[in-house]
Every structure is written in structure tokens, then in C-alpha cells.
Amino acid sequence: MSIGIPSLDLADFLNDDVVKRKAFVESLGRAYEDIGFVAIRNHGLSDALVAELYRQVEAFFQLPENIKRKYDLPGAAGQRGYTPFGREHAKGKNAGDLKEFWQFGQYNPPVNDQSDDYPDNVEVEELPEFNSMGREAYQTLEQTGVHILRALAIYIGLDENYFDGHVKGGNSILRAIHYPPITAEPGDAVRAAEHEDINLITLLMGASADGLQVLNRAGEWVSVTALPEMIVVNVGDMLQRLTNNKLRSTTHRVINPPKSQWSKPRFSIPFFLHPRSEMPLNCLPECISENSPRVYDDTTAGQYLDERLREIGLKK
């Protein structure tokens, strides 16, 4: 059981037991209306894949700085390859987060897409397994995310497959994050300042150290530590916007460890499930009522992503 958030079994949704399936849908929906986070077991990732991916990620971030920097692509806005330490900051913050990261993107983009949304993935010459492990995790979590969105579509009152066409070939990202040891007084900087995710949903496999905290409705920061066999799945701003605030994109952060543990690095690998850029994020009629009037203006996923990447310092 994770601390502070509900725990659900995806197998209950994927089998033919109507009662279990309905219970999963209701529990997931209520959790996302309440705190916006759940822990999921039977998510499709094997322990072996997770362990090997973390080994490869650690190996990449241990490479010399000049090697890592050759994978920092001008104009990529952090969407592929390597992003150096301190470049990204939370919306409304000036201090850069105490992290560096790598991003894997879509391997099967829409065939006729003519946009700049799908740059090629970057291959690390020094670590061939890094590339193959990243691709396998990306595609596994992408499918898991589809199942979660199908359950949410039912909960909202949509056709079960409402999201399928929007997220197939979507602009999703698998991000491998390294929070290095803290070697000097960080001042106002933290490993990841309080923020909400941009995308539809985020799927996070167990991080290598504690630090993730979620802000509950009482205004209290609750620590979240998922057990090894679980992933944490939370609502992002795109889904909150689409559902007119019915489902909650909850504020969360990664705090700095106690000073006695500053020398310990932290690794984390979230999967940010994005739709295709043309998907409308207009508030769904099913989520608008007299008691819940429409809150947001119309926009598309691509327009919203572009706006947010500028706000967090990844795009000029």
C-alpha cells in the first residue's frame, strides 16, 4: 500500500468480471476527484525491466559531462535527448530545479504528421541497452495508460474508447531524471518545486529514494512512496481542463532530503502520457452543469503544451 493515496489492481479492469471492472472504474474516478493520485499494481512492467532500466539510467548520468552534453540538442525544448542540470524550473519559479534529465519520445508517430512535434529519438552510442530498455518501458507504459484512460472514459460517461484515437501516436514522453547529490546550501532551490503535470496522466515507476509529496485537500503535504510492485498514476492539467475540474491535477513536489542524506542521489522515471497535438481540450459537455459551469477557454493539446513549455523555461 502506498502512503496517502488509494491502491488499485489494473487486473480488475482487464478481466471479464463485470463487478470487479465496475468497482475499479468507480474507485479510480473517485480517487481522481479527491486527490488525483492512485497506486496501480499489475501494470505490465516487469521487475526485471524496471531494475535494468534504472541501472542503465544511472550509467548514463555517470557519463562524463562532455559526453552527456553532446546529446543536448539545440531547439529541442527538452523534448528529446539530454537536458542539463538546473535548466527547467517550475511555473512561477525562478530557481532551476536541482535535476538533469533525459527524454524518450514517440516511436510510432502518426504516418502523415507534418508538424515538428515528433523529432527523432536520440540514441546513446555509449550505452546501447539504455536505448532498448527505454523503448520497451515507453511502449509498455503507453499501453497501460490507454487502459487507465478507458476506465476514466467510462467514469466520465464517454465511450470507453474515446481517448484511444487521441493518444495513439501521441506526443508522450518517458523522462529519466537524476537529482544529483547536494553539495552546497541550495537556498530556495529544491529537487522539483511544487507543480502540476502538463499532460493527461503521468505514470511513475518507483523512484530510487523518498521525496515525492502530494498536496491534499486539507492543504497538507503527504509523502507518497509506492511499493516496488506498484506504479503511481496521477492526473495532469490537460485532463483536469478537459473534465472542467471534475478530475484533479494535484500539486506535488520532490523535496530535498535531510542534510545528512545530501550525498545520496535520487533517480526517477515518469511517463507523461500526452495526446496528439490536434486533440481539443475543450471542456466536455458531460462535465458542465449548472453547478459546474465551464471554467476554461477552448484550446488544443499542442497549443497548451507550447504555452507550458515556455512557462517552465524549456522553450524560448
C-alpha atoms as a PDB file:
ATOM      1  CA  MET A   1       0.000   0.000   0.000  1.00  0.00           C
ATOM      2  CA  SER A   2       1.348   3.405  -0.864  1.00  0.00           C
ATOM      3  CA  ILE A   3       1.150   6.106   1.768  1.00  0.00           C
ATOM      4  CA  GLY A   4      -1.665   8.644   1.491  1.00  0.00           C
ATOM      5  CA  ILE A   5      -3.206   7.518  -1.827  1.00  0.00           C
ATOM      6  CA  PRO A   6      -5.573   4.671  -2.837  1.00  0.00           C
ATOM      7  CA  SER A   7      -4.201   1.404  -4.226  1.00  0.00           C
ATOM      8  CA  LEU A   8      -5.919  -0.359  -7.148  1.00  0.00           C
ATOM      9  CA  ASP A   9      -5.340  -3.516  -9.219  1.00  0.00           C
ATOM     10  CA  LEU A  10      -5.468  -2.960 -13.002  1.00  0.00           C
ATOM     11  CA  ALA A  11      -6.229  -6.679 -13.445  1.00  0.00           C
ATOM     12  CA  ASP A  12      -9.699  -5.938 -12.004  1.00  0.00           C
ATOM     13  CA  PHE A  13     -10.396  -3.735 -15.023  1.00  0.00           C
ATOM     14  CA  LEU A  14      -8.825  -6.010 -17.631  1.00  0.00           C
ATOM     15  CA  ASN A  15     -10.704  -9.205 -16.753  1.00  0.00           C
ATOM     16  CA  ASP A  16     -14.298 -10.181 -17.611  1.00  0.00           C
ATOM     17  CA  ASP A  17     -15.721  -9.856 -14.090  1.00  0.00           C
ATOM     18  CA  VAL A  18     -18.315  -7.091 -14.510  1.00  0.00           C
ATOM     19  CA  VAL A  19     -18.489  -6.382 -10.768  1.00  0.00           C
ATOM     20  CA  LYS A  20     -14.705  -6.021 -10.368  1.00  0.00           C
ATOM     21  CA  ARG A  21     -14.480  -3.915 -13.502  1.00  0.00           C
ATOM     22  CA  LYS A  22     -17.188  -1.533 -12.317  1.00  0.00           C
ATOM     23  CA  ALA A  23     -15.579  -1.285  -8.861  1.00  0.00           C
ATOM     24  CA  PHE A  24     -12.231  -0.386 -10.439  1.00  0.00           C
ATOM     25  CA  VAL A  25     -13.821   2.352 -12.569  1.00  0.00           C
ATOM     26  CA  GLU A  26     -15.646   3.854  -9.578  1.00  0.00           C
ATOM     27  CA  SER A  27     -12.629   3.691  -7.260  1.00  0.00           C
ATOM     28  CA  LEU A  28     -10.330   5.227  -9.854  1.00  0.00           C
ATOM     29  CA  GLY A  29     -12.752   8.037 -10.662  1.00  0.00           C
ATOM     30  CA  ARG A  30     -13.426   8.873  -7.015  1.00  0.00           C
ATOM     31  CA  ALA A  31      -9.697   8.916  -6.255  1.00  0.00           C
ATOM     32  CA  TYR A  32      -9.077  11.290  -9.142  1.00  0.00           C
ATOM     33  CA  GLU A  33     -11.880  13.574  -7.993  1.00  0.00           C
ATOM     34  CA  ASP A  34     -10.449  13.550  -4.467  1.00  0.00           C
ATOM     35  CA  ILE A  35      -6.632  13.589  -4.511  1.00  0.00           C
ATOM     36  CA  GLY A  36      -5.684  12.991  -8.149  1.00  0.00           C
ATOM     37  CA  PHE A  37      -3.215  10.164  -7.415  1.00  0.00           C
ATOM     38  CA  VAL A  38      -3.512   6.356  -7.201  1.00  0.00           C
ATOM     39  CA  ALA A  39      -1.082   3.446  -6.901  1.00  0.00           C
ATOM     40  CA  ILE A  40      -1.583   0.683  -9.505  1.00  0.00           C
ATOM     41  CA  ARG A  41      -0.443  -2.946  -9.413  1.00  0.00           C
ATOM     42  CA  ASN A  42      -0.420  -5.385 -12.370  1.00  0.00           C
ATOM     43  CA  HIS A  43       0.609  -2.508 -14.619  1.00  0.00           C
ATOM     44  CA  GLY A  44       2.570  -4.550 -17.176  1.00  0.00           C
ATOM     45  CA  LEU A  45       6.121  -3.573 -16.245  1.00  0.00           C
ATOM     46  CA  SER A  46       8.244  -6.499 -15.085  1.00  0.00           C
ATOM     47  CA  ASP A  47      10.542  -6.129 -12.075  1.00  0.00           C
ATOM     48  CA  ALA A  48      13.434  -7.139 -14.337  1.00  0.00           C
ATOM     49  CA  LEU A  49      12.709  -4.373 -16.852  1.00  0.00           C
ATOM     50  CA  VAL A  50      12.409  -1.725 -14.144  1.00  0.00           C
ATOM     51  CA  ALA A  51      15.636  -2.836 -12.452  1.00  0.00           C
ATOM     52  CA  GLU A  52      17.607  -2.911 -15.710  1.00  0.00           C
ATOM     53  CA  LEU A  53      16.231   0.452 -16.866  1.00  0.00           C
ATOM     54  CA  TYR A  54      17.306   2.056 -13.584  1.00  0.00           C
ATOM     55  CA  ARG A  55      20.775   0.521 -13.994  1.00  0.00           C
ATOM     56  CA  GLN A  56      21.039   1.956 -17.495  1.00  0.00           C
ATOM     57  CA  VAL A  57      19.774   5.370 -16.367  1.00  0.00           C
ATOM     58  CA  GLU A  58      22.341   5.512 -13.563  1.00  0.00           C
ATOM     59  CA  ALA A  59      25.047   4.530 -16.050  1.00  0.00           C
ATOM     60  CA  PHE A  60      24.041   7.336 -18.407  1.00  0.00           C
ATOM     61  CA  PHE A  61      24.129  10.040 -15.756  1.00  0.00           C
ATOM     62  CA  GLN A  62      27.537   8.791 -14.602  1.00  0.00           C
ATOM     63  CA  LEU A  63      28.973   9.522 -18.051  1.00  0.00           C
ATOM     64  CA  PRO A  64      31.391  12.479 -18.257  1.00  0.00           C
ATOM     65  CA  GLU A  65      29.713  15.861 -18.634  1.00  0.00           C
ATOM     66  CA  ASN A  66      31.143  16.404 -22.138  1.00  0.00           C
ATOM     67  CA  ILE A  67      29.632  13.083 -23.295  1.00  0.00           C
ATOM     68  CA  LYS A  68      26.193  13.900 -21.882  1.00  0.00           C
ATOM     69  CA  ARG A  69      26.302  17.396 -23.369  1.00  0.00           C
ATOM     70  CA  LYS A  70      26.679  16.074 -26.909  1.00  0.00           C
ATOM     71  CA  TYR A  71      23.105  14.768 -26.528  1.00  0.00           C
ATOM     72  CA  ASP A  72      21.774  18.226 -25.554  1.00  0.00           C
ATOM     73  CA  LEU A  73      20.026  19.203 -28.784  1.00  0.00           C
ATOM     74  CA  PRO A  74      19.613  22.909 -29.666  1.00  0.00           C
ATOM     75  CA  GLY A  75      15.973  23.793 -30.204  1.00  0.00           C
ATOM     76  CA  ALA A  76      14.602  20.517 -28.820  1.00  0.00           C
ATOM     77  CA  ALA A  77      12.990  22.287 -25.826  1.00  0.00           C
ATOM     78  CA  GLY A  78      13.942  19.347 -23.651  1.00  0.00           C
ATOM     79  CA  GLN A  79      11.614  17.023 -25.574  1.00  0.00           C
ATOM     80  CA  ARG A  80      14.332  14.615 -26.746  1.00  0.00           C
ATOM     81  CA  GLY A  81      17.760  13.688 -25.500  1.00  0.00           C
ATOM     82  CA  TYR A  82      19.581  15.325 -22.599  1.00  0.00           C
ATOM     83  CA  THR A  83      18.660  18.451 -20.603  1.00  0.00           C
ATOM     84  CA  PRO A  84      21.445  19.733 -18.303  1.00  0.00           C
ATOM     85  CA  PHE A  85      21.215  20.418 -14.583  1.00  0.00           C
ATOM     86  CA  GLY A  86      19.120  23.396 -13.459  1.00  0.00           C
ATOM     87  CA  ARG A  87      17.630  24.388 -16.840  1.00  0.00           C
ATOM     88  CA  GLU A  88      13.991  23.553 -16.013  1.00  0.00           C
ATOM     89  CA  HIS A  89      12.068  25.387 -13.311  1.00  0.00           C
ATOM     90  CA  ALA A  90       8.508  25.145 -12.007  1.00  0.00           C
ATOM     91  CA  LYS A  91       5.891  27.555 -13.375  1.00  0.00           C
ATOM     92  CA  GLY A  92       6.162  30.841 -11.481  1.00  0.00           C
ATOM     93  CA  LYS A  93       9.608  29.988 -10.025  1.00  0.00           C
ATOM     94  CA  ASN A  94      12.964  31.465 -10.967  1.00  0.00           C
ATOM     95  CA  ALA A  95      15.284  28.956  -9.292  1.00  0.00           C
ATOM     96  CA  GLY A  96      16.123  25.999 -11.525  1.00  0.00           C
ATOM     97  CA  ASP A  97      15.211  22.565 -10.208  1.00  0.00           C
ATOM     98  CA  LEU A  98      18.115  20.507  -8.850  1.00  0.00           C
ATOM     99  CA  LYS A  99      17.973  17.909 -11.610  1.00  0.00           C
ATOM    100  CA  GLU A 100      19.139  16.847 -15.065  1.00  0.00           C
ATOM    101  CA  PHE A 101      17.109  14.565 -17.296  1.00  0.00           C
ATOM    102  CA  TRP A 102      16.762  12.551 -20.491  1.00  0.00           C
ATOM    103  CA  GLN A 103      13.613  12.241 -22.616  1.00  0.00           C
ATOM    104  CA  PHE A 104      12.480   9.399 -24.873  1.00  0.00           C
ATOM    105  CA  GLY A 105       9.625  10.300 -27.245  1.00  0.00           C
ATOM    106  CA  GLN A 106       7.088   8.611 -29.508  1.00  0.00           C
ATOM    107  CA  TYR A 107       8.396   5.652 -31.552  1.00  0.00           C
ATOM    108  CA  ASN A 108       5.311   5.355 -33.786  1.00  0.00           C
ATOM    109  CA  PRO A 109       4.257   8.894 -34.728  1.00  0.00           C
ATOM    110  CA  PRO A 110       1.247   9.443 -36.995  1.00  0.00           C
ATOM    111  CA  VAL A 111       2.200   8.440 -40.544  1.00  0.00           C
ATOM    112  CA  ASN A 112       1.094  11.655 -42.239  1.00  0.00           C
ATOM    113  CA  ASP A 113       2.099  14.096 -39.491  1.00  0.00           C
ATOM    114  CA  GLN A 114       3.924  17.092 -40.994  1.00  0.00           C
ATOM    115  CA  SER A 115       4.455  19.012 -37.736  1.00  0.00           C
ATOM    116  CA  ASP A 116       7.614  19.432 -35.678  1.00  0.00           C
ATOM    117  CA  ASP A 117       6.048  17.536 -32.759  1.00  0.00           C
ATOM    118  CA  TYR A 118       7.920  14.284 -33.327  1.00  0.00           C
ATOM    119  CA  PRO A 119      11.683  14.780 -33.564  1.00  0.00           C
ATOM    120  CA  ASP A 120      13.670  11.572 -33.831  1.00  0.00           C
ATOM    121  CA  ASN A 121      14.675   9.825 -30.659  1.00  0.00           C
ATOM    122  CA  VAL A 122      18.322  10.224 -29.708  1.00  0.00           C
ATOM    123  CA  GLU A 123      20.474   7.094 -29.463  1.00  0.00           C
ATOM    124  CA  VAL A 124      23.215   6.989 -26.820  1.00  0.00           C
ATOM    125  CA  GLU A 125      26.204   5.449 -28.591  1.00  0.00           C
ATOM    126  CA  GLU A 126      27.954   4.524 -25.349  1.00  0.00           C
ATOM    127  CA  LEU A 127      25.018   2.557 -23.877  1.00  0.00           C
ATOM    128  CA  PRO A 128      23.007   0.509 -26.415  1.00  0.00           C
ATOM    129  CA  GLU A 129      20.901  -1.125 -23.666  1.00  0.00           C
ATOM    130  CA  PHE A 130      19.862   2.326 -22.428  1.00  0.00           C
ATOM    131  CA  ASN A 131      18.080   2.857 -25.740  1.00  0.00           C
ATOM    132  CA  SER A 132      16.379  -0.552 -25.917  1.00  0.00           C
ATOM    133  CA  MET A 133      15.271  -0.538 -22.255  1.00  0.00           C
ATOM    134  CA  GLY A 134      13.864   2.960 -22.650  1.00  0.00           C
ATOM    135  CA  ARG A 135      11.871   1.961 -25.720  1.00  0.00           C
ATOM    136  CA  GLU A 136      10.425  -1.145 -24.035  1.00  0.00           C
ATOM    137  CA  ALA A 137       9.375   0.804 -20.930  1.00  0.00           C
ATOM    138  CA  TYR A 138       7.913   3.597 -23.071  1.00  0.00           C
ATOM    139  CA  GLN A 139       5.717   1.266 -25.092  1.00  0.00           C
ATOM    140  CA  THR A 140       4.605  -0.755 -22.049  1.00  0.00           C
ATOM    141  CA  LEU A 141       3.562   2.331 -20.092  1.00  0.00           C
ATOM    142  CA  GLU A 142       1.859   3.808 -23.143  1.00  0.00           C
ATOM    143  CA  GLN A 143      -0.427   0.745 -23.298  1.00  0.00           C
ATOM    144  CA  THR A 144      -1.032   0.831 -19.528  1.00  0.00           C
ATOM    145  CA  GLY A 145      -2.027   4.472 -19.854  1.00  0.00           C
ATOM    146  CA  VAL A 146      -4.574   3.584 -22.542  1.00  0.00           C
ATOM    147  CA  HIS A 147      -6.245   1.145 -20.116  1.00  0.00           C
ATOM    148  CA  ILE A 148      -6.390   3.807 -17.380  1.00  0.00           C
ATOM    149  CA  LEU A 149      -7.932   6.316 -19.795  1.00  0.00           C
ATOM    150  CA  ARG A 150     -10.512   3.756 -20.923  1.00  0.00           C
ATOM    151  CA  ALA A 151     -11.611   3.319 -17.312  1.00  0.00           C
ATOM    152  CA  LEU A 152     -11.812   7.090 -16.889  1.00  0.00           C
ATOM    153  CA  ALA A 153     -13.822   7.466 -20.104  1.00  0.00           C
ATOM    154  CA  ILE A 154     -16.432   5.091 -18.651  1.00  0.00           C
ATOM    155  CA  TYR A 155     -16.437   7.002 -15.360  1.00  0.00           C
ATOM    156  CA  ILE A 156     -16.989  10.343 -17.118  1.00  0.00           C
ATOM    157  CA  GLY A 157     -19.806   8.920 -19.242  1.00  0.00           C
ATOM    158  CA  LEU A 158     -17.963   8.744 -22.568  1.00  0.00           C
ATOM    159  CA  ASP A 159     -17.485   5.826 -24.923  1.00  0.00           C
ATOM    160  CA  GLU A 160     -14.825   3.526 -23.447  1.00  0.00           C
ATOM    161  CA  ASN A 161     -12.528   4.102 -26.423  1.00  0.00           C
ATOM    162  CA  TYR A 162     -12.937   7.897 -26.505  1.00  0.00           C
ATOM    163  CA  PHE A 163      -9.249   8.575 -25.821  1.00  0.00           C
ATOM    164  CA  ASP A 164      -7.783   5.801 -27.998  1.00  0.00           C
ATOM    165  CA  GLY A 165      -7.536   7.751 -31.248  1.00  0.00           C
ATOM    166  CA  HIS A 166      -6.213  10.837 -29.472  1.00  0.00           C
ATOM    167  CA  VAL A 167      -3.355   9.088 -27.655  1.00  0.00           C
ATOM    168  CA  LYS A 168      -2.352   6.536 -30.305  1.00  0.00           C
ATOM    169  CA  GLY A 169       0.833   8.040 -31.726  1.00  0.00           C
ATOM    170  CA  GLY A 170       0.521  10.838 -29.146  1.00  0.00           C
ATOM    171  CA  ASN A 171       3.287  13.162 -28.038  1.00  0.00           C
ATOM    172  CA  SER A 172       4.058  11.175 -24.870  1.00  0.00           C
ATOM    173  CA  ILE A 173       7.407  11.373 -23.084  1.00  0.00           C
ATOM    174  CA  LEU A 174       9.380   8.948 -20.901  1.00  0.00           C
ATOM    175  CA  ARG A 175      11.655  11.085 -18.732  1.00  0.00           C
ATOM    176  CA  ALA A 176      14.645   9.681 -16.829  1.00  0.00           C
ATOM    177  CA  ILE A 177      15.573  12.126 -14.042  1.00  0.00           C
ATOM    178  CA  HIS A 178      18.752  12.381 -11.982  1.00  0.00           C
ATOM    179  CA  TYR A 179      18.735  14.507  -8.842  1.00  0.00           C
ATOM    180  CA  PRO A 180      22.486  14.654  -8.030  1.00  0.00           C
ATOM    181  CA  PRO A 181      23.938  14.816  -4.513  1.00  0.00           C
ATOM    182  CA  ILE A 182      23.507  18.262  -2.985  1.00  0.00           C
ATOM    183  CA  THR A 183      26.988  19.636  -2.454  1.00  0.00           C
ATOM    184  CA  ALA A 184      26.246  23.187  -1.250  1.00  0.00           C
ATOM    185  CA  GLU A 185      23.469  25.058   0.532  1.00  0.00           C
ATOM    186  CA  PRO A 186      20.659  25.039  -2.093  1.00  0.00           C
ATOM    187  CA  GLY A 187      18.890  28.194  -0.920  1.00  0.00           C
ATOM    188  CA  ASP A 188      15.394  28.300  -2.450  1.00  0.00           C
ATOM    189  CA  ALA A 189      16.133  25.544  -4.974  1.00  0.00           C
ATOM    190  CA  VAL A 190      14.607  22.093  -4.465  1.00  0.00           C
ATOM    191  CA  ARG A 191      14.792  18.880  -6.449  1.00  0.00           C
ATOM    192  CA  ALA A 192      11.412  19.634  -8.056  1.00  0.00           C
ATOM    193  CA  ALA A 193       9.432  22.663  -6.916  1.00  0.00           C
ATOM    194  CA  GLU A 194       5.695  22.351  -6.367  1.00  0.00           C
ATOM    195  CA  HIS A 195       3.919  21.952  -9.693  1.00  0.00           C
ATOM    196  CA  GLU A 196       1.172  20.205 -11.624  1.00  0.00           C
ATOM    197  CA  ASP A 197       1.922  17.991 -14.612  1.00  0.00           C
ATOM    198  CA  ILE A 198       1.035  19.303 -18.072  1.00  0.00           C
ATOM    199  CA  ASN A 199      -0.240  16.117 -19.737  1.00  0.00           C
ATOM    200  CA  LEU A 200      -3.320  13.841 -19.472  1.00  0.00           C
ATOM    201  CA  ILE A 201      -1.939  11.338 -16.935  1.00  0.00           C
ATOM    202  CA  THR A 202       1.521  10.555 -15.537  1.00  0.00           C
ATOM    203  CA  LEU A 203       2.701   7.018 -14.752  1.00  0.00           C
ATOM    204  CA  LEU A 204       5.643   6.867 -12.335  1.00  0.00           C
ATOM    205  CA  MET A 205       7.606   3.705 -11.624  1.00  0.00           C
ATOM    206  CA  GLY A 206       9.138   3.559  -8.134  1.00  0.00           C
ATOM    207  CA  ALA A 207      11.774   6.230  -7.550  1.00  0.00           C
ATOM    208  CA  SER A 208      15.125   5.288  -6.037  1.00  0.00           C
ATOM    209  CA  ALA A 209      14.667   7.424  -2.929  1.00  0.00           C
ATOM    210  CA  ASP A 210      11.922   9.166  -0.964  1.00  0.00           C
ATOM    211  CA  GLY A 211      10.950  12.761  -1.591  1.00  0.00           C
ATOM    212  CA  LEU A 212       7.673  12.827  -3.567  1.00  0.00           C
ATOM    213  CA  GLN A 213       4.919  14.718  -1.748  1.00  0.00           C
ATOM    214  CA  VAL A 214       1.306  15.439  -2.742  1.00  0.00           C
ATOM    215  CA  LEU A 215      -0.797  18.385  -1.519  1.00  0.00           C
ATOM    216  CA  ASN A 216      -4.144  17.077  -0.228  1.00  0.00           C
ATOM    217  CA  ARG A 217      -7.424  18.991   0.029  1.00  0.00           C
ATOM    218  CA  ALA A 218      -6.692  19.953   3.629  1.00  0.00           C
ATOM    219  CA  GLY A 219      -3.585  21.784   2.419  1.00  0.00           C
ATOM    220  CA  GLU A 220      -1.238  19.184   3.917  1.00  0.00           C
ATOM    221  CA  TRP A 221       1.800  17.734   2.164  1.00  0.00           C
ATOM    222  CA  VAL A 222       1.510  13.941   2.138  1.00  0.00           C
ATOM    223  CA  SER A 223       4.550  11.755   1.378  1.00  0.00           C
ATOM    224  CA  VAL A 224       3.992   9.104  -1.300  1.00  0.00           C
ATOM    225  CA  THR A 225       6.178   6.017  -1.504  1.00  0.00           C
ATOM    226  CA  ALA A 226       4.884   3.244  -3.752  1.00  0.00           C
ATOM    227  CA  LEU A 227       5.852  -0.360  -3.108  1.00  0.00           C
ATOM    228  CA  PRO A 228       8.151  -1.910  -5.740  1.00  0.00           C
ATOM    229  CA  GLU A 229       5.345  -3.811  -7.494  1.00  0.00           C
ATOM    230  CA  MET A 230       3.249  -0.638  -7.955  1.00  0.00           C
ATOM    231  CA  ILE A 231       3.368   2.462 -10.103  1.00  0.00           C
ATOM    232  CA  VAL A 232       1.853   5.818  -9.145  1.00  0.00           C
ATOM    233  CA  VAL A 233      -0.565   7.325 -11.693  1.00  0.00           C
ATOM    234  CA  ASN A 234      -1.780  10.916 -11.416  1.00  0.00           C
ATOM    235  CA  VAL A 235      -3.978  13.354 -13.319  1.00  0.00           C
ATOM    236  CA  GLY A 236      -2.330  16.116 -15.352  1.00  0.00           C
ATOM    237  CA  ASP A 237      -3.580  19.570 -16.254  1.00  0.00           C
ATOM    238  CA  MET A 238      -4.818  18.549 -19.710  1.00  0.00           C
ATOM    239  CA  LEU A 239      -7.228  16.023 -18.210  1.00  0.00           C
ATOM    240  CA  GLN A 240      -8.307  18.454 -15.493  1.00  0.00           C
ATOM    241  CA  ARG A 241      -9.003  21.038 -18.164  1.00  0.00           C
ATOM    242  CA  LEU A 242     -10.866  18.566 -20.399  1.00  0.00           C
ATOM    243  CA  THR A 243     -13.082  17.476 -17.474  1.00  0.00           C
ATOM    244  CA  ASN A 244     -13.773  21.040 -16.309  1.00  0.00           C
ATOM    245  CA  ASN A 245     -12.051  20.342 -12.942  1.00  0.00           C
ATOM    246  CA  LYS A 246     -14.036  17.163 -12.287  1.00  0.00           C
ATOM    247  CA  LEU A 247     -10.741  15.219 -12.141  1.00  0.00           C
ATOM    248  CA  ARG A 248      -7.961  16.887 -10.155  1.00  0.00           C
ATOM    249  CA  SER A 249      -4.439  17.697 -11.267  1.00  0.00           C
ATOM    250  CA  THR A 250      -2.907  17.747  -7.815  1.00  0.00           C
ATOM    251  CA  THR A 251       0.057  19.891  -6.820  1.00  0.00           C
ATOM    252  CA  HIS A 252       3.120  17.812  -5.964  1.00  0.00           C
ATOM    253  CA  ARG A 253       6.842  18.283  -5.402  1.00  0.00           C
ATOM    254  CA  VAL A 254      10.111  16.477  -4.724  1.00  0.00           C
ATOM    255  CA  ILE A 255      11.677  17.851  -1.561  1.00  0.00           C
ATOM    256  CA  ASN A 256      15.342  17.925  -0.670  1.00  0.00           C
ATOM    257  CA  PRO A 257      16.424  15.174   1.737  1.00  0.00           C
ATOM    258  CA  PRO A 258      17.686  15.889   5.269  1.00  0.00           C
ATOM    259  CA  LYS A 259      21.202  17.350   5.254  1.00  0.00           C
ATOM    260  CA  SER A 260      22.594  14.033   6.484  1.00  0.00           C
ATOM    261  CA  GLN A 261      21.439  12.486   3.171  1.00  0.00           C
ATOM    262  CA  TRP A 262      22.548  15.251   0.791  1.00  0.00           C
ATOM    263  CA  SER A 263      25.268  12.977  -0.572  1.00  0.00           C
ATOM    264  CA  LYS A 264      22.688  10.469  -1.831  1.00  0.00           C
ATOM    265  CA  PRO A 265      21.441  10.941  -5.429  1.00  0.00           C
ATOM    266  CA  ARG A 266      17.852  10.245  -6.492  1.00  0.00           C
ATOM    267  CA  PHE A 267      16.621   8.737  -9.754  1.00  0.00           C
ATOM    268  CA  SER A 268      13.039   8.829 -11.035  1.00  0.00           C
ATOM    269  CA  ILE A 269      11.402   7.723 -14.317  1.00  0.00           C
ATOM    270  CA  PRO A 270       7.933   9.195 -15.028  1.00  0.00           C
ATOM    271  CA  PHE A 271       5.958   8.577 -18.224  1.00  0.00           C
ATOM    272  CA  PHE A 272       3.979  11.647 -19.282  1.00  0.00           C
ATOM    273  CA  LEU A 273       1.080  10.472 -21.447  1.00  0.00           C
ATOM    274  CA  HIS A 274       0.224  13.183 -23.980  1.00  0.00           C
ATOM    275  CA  PRO A 275      -2.379  13.125 -26.743  1.00  0.00           C
ATOM    276  CA  ARG A 276      -1.730  14.135 -30.315  1.00  0.00           C
ATOM    277  CA  SER A 277      -1.345  17.886 -30.681  1.00  0.00           C
ATOM    278  CA  GLU A 278      -4.616  18.404 -32.553  1.00  0.00           C
ATOM    279  CA  MET A 279      -6.760  16.949 -29.733  1.00  0.00           C
ATOM    280  CA  PRO A 280      -9.251  19.583 -28.497  1.00  0.00           C
ATOM    281  CA  LEU A 281      -9.062  20.243 -24.758  1.00  0.00           C
ATOM    282  CA  ASN A 282     -12.459  21.969 -24.786  1.00  0.00           C
ATOM    283  CA  CYS A 283     -14.402  21.205 -21.604  1.00  0.00           C
ATOM    284  CA  LEU A 284     -16.524  18.094 -22.152  1.00  0.00           C
ATOM    285  CA  PRO A 285     -20.315  18.668 -22.135  1.00  0.00           C
ATOM    286  CA  GLU A 286     -20.580  15.683 -19.732  1.00  0.00           C
ATOM    287  CA  CYS A 287     -18.614  17.728 -17.154  1.00  0.00           C
ATOM    288  CA  ILE A 288     -20.525  21.001 -17.475  1.00  0.00           C
ATOM    289  CA  SER A 289     -23.683  21.696 -15.459  1.00  0.00           C
ATOM    290  CA  GLU A 290     -25.475  24.473 -13.631  1.00  0.00           C
ATOM    291  CA  ASN A 291     -23.446  23.642 -10.527  1.00  0.00           C
ATOM    292  CA  SER A 292     -20.235  23.200 -12.547  1.00  0.00           C
ATOM    293  CA  PRO A 293     -20.169  25.952 -15.177  1.00  0.00           C
ATOM    294  CA  ARG A 294     -17.468  25.877 -17.805  1.00  0.00           C
ATOM    295  CA  VAL A 295     -14.129  27.114 -16.401  1.00  0.00           C
ATOM    296  CA  TYR A 296     -11.693  27.036 -19.331  1.00  0.00           C
ATOM    297  CA  ASP A 297     -11.440  28.553 -22.813  1.00  0.00           C
ATOM    298  CA  ASP A 298     -11.097  26.248 -25.821  1.00  0.00           C
ATOM    299  CA  THR A 299      -7.601  25.182 -26.848  1.00  0.00           C
ATOM    300  CA  THR A 300      -5.757  22.202 -28.299  1.00  0.00           C
ATOM    301  CA  ALA A 301      -3.222  19.922 -26.653  1.00  0.00           C
ATOM    302  CA  GLY A 302      -0.463  21.299 -28.876  1.00  0.00           C
ATOM    303  CA  GLN A 303      -1.236  24.928 -28.079  1.00  0.00           C
ATOM    304  CA  TYR A 304      -1.411  24.197 -24.365  1.00  0.00           C
ATOM    305  CA  LEU A 305       1.861  22.221 -24.339  1.00  0.00           C
ATOM    306  CA  ASP A 306       3.656  25.021 -26.184  1.00  0.00           C
ATOM    307  CA  GLU A 307       2.409  27.576 -23.652  1.00  0.00           C
ATOM    308  CA  ARG A 308       3.515  25.490 -20.675  1.00  0.00           C
ATOM    309  CA  LEU A 309       6.974  24.635 -22.080  1.00  0.00           C
ATOM    310  CA  ARG A 310       7.637  28.380 -22.298  1.00  0.00           C
ATOM    311  CA  GLU A 311       6.449  28.897 -18.721  1.00  0.00           C
ATOM    312  CA  ILE A 312       8.866  26.316 -17.301  1.00  0.00           C
ATOM    313  CA  GLY A 313      11.894  27.579 -19.225  1.00  0.00           C
ATOM    314  CA  LEU A 314      12.340  24.762 -21.770  1.00  0.00           C
ATOM    315  CA  LYS A 315      11.161  26.758 -24.787  1.00  0.00           C
ATOM    316  CA  LYS A 316      12.032  30.327 -25.712  1.00  0.00           C
END
